[in-house]
Amino acid sequence: MSKDSFKRVMVGQYTYETDLPVKVGDKVMLPTPYWLRDVKGPTFEGTVTSLESKYTGDCVRILSICK
């Protein structure tokens, strides 16, 4: 999948990339930052707060939409 097919969305105050059909209010599974994995585990749940982001730096990807 090309990087161009990913859109950037906000989960709280952070930007993530996804090719999933997310909408505001969706609960999504996210990778935990590496420095917190020993304490928090490999993933955590967040809520999509915006379908747009002005951030242009590197992002991690949303893993899945929680059902």
N, C-alpha and C. Protein backbone atom coordinates (compact mmCIF):
# COMPACT_ATOMS: atom_id res chain seq x y z
N MET A 1 0.85 -1.18 0.00
CA MET A 1 0.00 0.00 0.00
C MET A 1 0.89 1.23 0.00
N SER A 2 0.61 2.19 -0.85
CA SER A 2 1.45 3.39 -0.91
C SER A 2 1.12 4.33 0.24
N LYS A 3 2.12 5.10 0.62
CA LYS A 3 1.95 6.05 1.71
C LYS A 3 0.88 7.09 1.37
N ASP A 4 0.67 7.35 0.08
CA ASP A 4 -0.33 8.33 -0.34
C ASP A 4 -1.76 7.90 -0.03
N SER A 5 -1.98 6.62 0.17
CA SER A 5 -3.34 6.15 0.43
C SER A 5 -3.73 6.28 1.91
N PHE A 6 -2.79 6.72 2.75
CA PHE A 6 -3.09 6.92 4.16
C PHE A 6 -3.52 8.34 4.42
N LYS A 7 -4.52 8.51 5.28
CA LYS A 7 -4.92 9.84 5.70
C LYS A 7 -4.45 10.06 7.13
N ARG A 8 -4.36 11.28 7.53
CA ARG A 8 -3.93 11.62 8.88
C ARG A 8 -5.13 12.07 9.69
N VAL A 9 -5.26 11.49 10.87
CA VAL A 9 -6.37 11.82 11.76
C VAL A 9 -5.80 12.10 13.15
N MET A 10 -6.60 12.75 13.97
CA MET A 10 -6.21 13.05 15.34
C MET A 10 -6.89 12.09 16.31
N VAL A 11 -6.11 11.62 17.26
CA VAL A 11 -6.63 10.85 18.39
C VAL A 11 -6.14 11.61 19.61
N GLY A 12 -7.08 12.32 20.26
CA GLY A 12 -6.67 13.24 21.31
C GLY A 12 -5.84 14.35 20.68
N GLN A 13 -4.64 14.57 21.21
CA GLN A 13 -3.78 15.64 20.69
C GLN A 13 -2.72 15.13 19.72
N TYR A 14 -2.74 13.85 19.40
CA TYR A 14 -1.71 13.25 18.56
C TYR A 14 -2.26 12.85 17.19
N THR A 15 -1.38 12.88 16.18
CA THR A 15 -1.74 12.52 14.81
C THR A 15 -1.30 11.10 14.50
N TYR A 16 -2.17 10.35 13.84
CA TYR A 16 -1.90 8.98 13.41
C TYR A 16 -2.28 8.85 11.94
N GLU A 17 -1.66 7.88 11.26
CA GLU A 17 -2.02 7.57 9.88
C GLU A 17 -2.94 6.36 9.85
N THR A 18 -3.82 6.33 8.86
CA THR A 18 -4.70 5.17 8.70
C THR A 18 -5.23 5.10 7.28
N ASP A 19 -5.54 3.87 6.86
CA ASP A 19 -6.29 3.67 5.62
C ASP A 19 -7.64 3.05 5.96
N LEU A 20 -7.97 2.99 7.24
CA LEU A 20 -9.24 2.43 7.71
C LEU A 20 -10.35 3.48 7.60
N PRO A 21 -11.60 3.07 7.46
CA PRO A 21 -12.71 4.01 7.33
C PRO A 21 -13.17 4.55 8.69
N VAL A 22 -12.31 5.33 9.34
CA VAL A 22 -12.63 5.85 10.67
C VAL A 22 -13.48 7.11 10.58
N LYS A 23 -14.20 7.37 11.66
CA LYS A 23 -14.96 8.61 11.77
C LYS A 23 -14.78 9.14 13.20
N VAL A 24 -15.06 10.40 13.39
CA VAL A 24 -14.93 11.01 14.71
C VAL A 24 -15.79 10.23 15.71
N GLY A 25 -15.20 9.91 16.84
CA GLY A 25 -15.89 9.16 17.88
C GLY A 25 -15.56 7.67 17.88
N ASP A 26 -14.96 7.17 16.79
CA ASP A 26 -14.58 5.75 16.74
C ASP A 26 -13.49 5.46 17.76
N LYS A 27 -13.61 4.33 18.42
CA LYS A 27 -12.54 3.82 19.29
C LYS A 27 -11.59 3.04 18.40
N VAL A 28 -10.29 3.30 18.54
CA VAL A 28 -9.28 2.65 17.71
C VAL A 28 -8.16 2.07 18.59
N MET A 29 -7.51 1.03 18.07
CA MET A 29 -6.39 0.40 18.76
C MET A 29 -5.10 1.02 18.21
N LEU A 30 -4.24 1.44 19.13
CA LEU A 30 -3.00 2.14 18.77
C LEU A 30 -1.79 1.45 19.39
N PRO A 31 -0.63 1.56 18.75
CA PRO A 31 0.58 0.99 19.35
C PRO A 31 1.06 1.88 20.49
N THR A 32 1.43 1.29 21.59
CA THR A 32 1.98 2.03 22.72
C THR A 32 3.40 2.49 22.37
N PRO A 33 3.77 3.73 22.75
CA PRO A 33 5.17 4.15 22.53
C PRO A 33 6.13 3.15 23.17
N TYR A 34 7.25 2.92 22.51
CA TYR A 34 8.17 1.87 22.95
C TYR A 34 8.63 2.05 24.39
N TRP A 35 8.77 3.27 24.88
CA TRP A 35 9.28 3.49 26.23
C TRP A 35 8.23 3.20 27.32
N LEU A 36 6.98 2.97 26.92
CA LEU A 36 5.93 2.64 27.90
C LEU A 36 5.45 1.20 27.81
N ARG A 37 5.95 0.43 26.87
CA ARG A 37 5.43 -0.92 26.64
C ARG A 37 5.62 -1.85 27.83
N ASP A 38 6.72 -1.70 28.57
CA ASP A 38 6.93 -2.55 29.75
C ASP A 38 5.86 -2.31 30.81
N VAL A 39 5.33 -1.10 30.86
CA VAL A 39 4.34 -0.73 31.88
C VAL A 39 2.91 -0.87 31.36
N LYS A 40 2.66 -0.41 30.15
CA LYS A 40 1.30 -0.32 29.61
C LYS A 40 0.91 -1.44 28.65
N GLY A 41 1.86 -2.26 28.21
CA GLY A 41 1.56 -3.29 27.23
C GLY A 41 1.76 -2.77 25.82
N PRO A 42 1.55 -3.63 24.81
CA PRO A 42 1.89 -3.26 23.43
C PRO A 42 0.89 -2.33 22.73
N THR A 43 -0.34 -2.26 23.21
CA THR A 43 -1.35 -1.43 22.54
C THR A 43 -2.22 -0.72 23.58
N PHE A 44 -2.92 0.31 23.10
CA PHE A 44 -3.90 0.99 23.94
C PHE A 44 -5.03 1.50 23.05
N GLU A 45 -6.13 1.85 23.67
CA GLU A 45 -7.31 2.30 22.93
C GLU A 45 -7.43 3.82 23.02
N GLY A 46 -7.79 4.44 21.90
CA GLY A 46 -8.02 5.87 21.86
C GLY A 46 -9.27 6.17 21.04
N THR A 47 -9.68 7.44 21.07
CA THR A 47 -10.88 7.87 20.34
C THR A 47 -10.49 8.91 19.30
N VAL A 48 -10.95 8.70 18.06
CA VAL A 48 -10.69 9.65 16.98
C VAL A 48 -11.42 10.96 17.30
N THR A 49 -10.66 12.07 17.29
CA THR A 49 -11.23 13.37 17.63
C THR A 49 -11.33 14.31 16.43
N SER A 50 -10.59 14.02 15.35
CA SER A 50 -10.64 14.85 14.15
C SER A 50 -10.19 14.03 12.95
N LEU A 51 -10.77 14.31 11.80
CA LEU A 51 -10.39 13.62 10.57
C LEU A 51 -9.36 14.42 9.78
N GLU A 52 -8.80 15.46 10.37
CA GLU A 52 -7.79 16.28 9.73
C GLU A 52 -6.67 16.56 10.72
N SER A 53 -5.47 16.79 10.17
CA SER A 53 -4.32 17.17 10.99
C SER A 53 -3.39 18.01 10.14
N LYS A 54 -2.81 19.04 10.75
CA LYS A 54 -1.83 19.87 10.07
C LYS A 54 -0.41 19.35 10.27
N TYR A 55 -0.25 18.34 11.11
CA TYR A 55 1.07 17.78 11.39
C TYR A 55 1.63 17.11 10.14
N THR A 56 2.88 17.38 9.81
CA THR A 56 3.49 16.83 8.60
C THR A 56 4.67 15.90 8.87
N GLY A 57 4.98 15.65 10.14
CA GLY A 57 6.10 14.78 10.49
C GLY A 57 5.73 13.31 10.41
N ASP A 58 6.63 12.47 10.92
CA ASP A 58 6.40 11.02 10.94
C ASP A 58 5.27 10.67 11.90
N CYS A 59 4.50 9.64 11.54
CA CYS A 59 3.39 9.17 12.36
C CYS A 59 3.40 7.65 12.42
N VAL A 60 2.81 7.13 13.47
CA VAL A 60 2.55 5.69 13.50
C VAL A 60 1.12 5.47 13.01
N ARG A 61 0.80 4.23 12.71
CA ARG A 61 -0.51 3.91 12.13
C ARG A 61 -1.47 3.33 13.15
N ILE A 62 -2.74 3.65 12.96
CA ILE A 62 -3.79 3.03 13.72
C ILE A 62 -3.82 1.55 13.36
N LEU A 63 -3.90 0.69 14.37
CA LEU A 63 -3.86 -0.76 14.13
C LEU A 63 -5.21 -1.31 13.69
N SER A 64 -6.29 -0.85 14.33
CA SER A 64 -7.62 -1.37 14.00
C SER A 64 -8.69 -0.48 14.61
N ILE A 65 -9.91 -0.65 14.15
CA ILE A 65 -11.07 -0.03 14.75
C ILE A 65 -11.63 -1.02 15.76
N CYS A 66 -11.89 -0.56 16.98
CA CYS A 66 -12.44 -1.44 18.02
C CYS A 66 -13.94 -1.60 17.80
N LYS A 67 -14.42 -2.82 17.93
CA LYS A 67 -15.85 -3.08 17.73
C LYS A 67 -16.54 -3.13 19.07
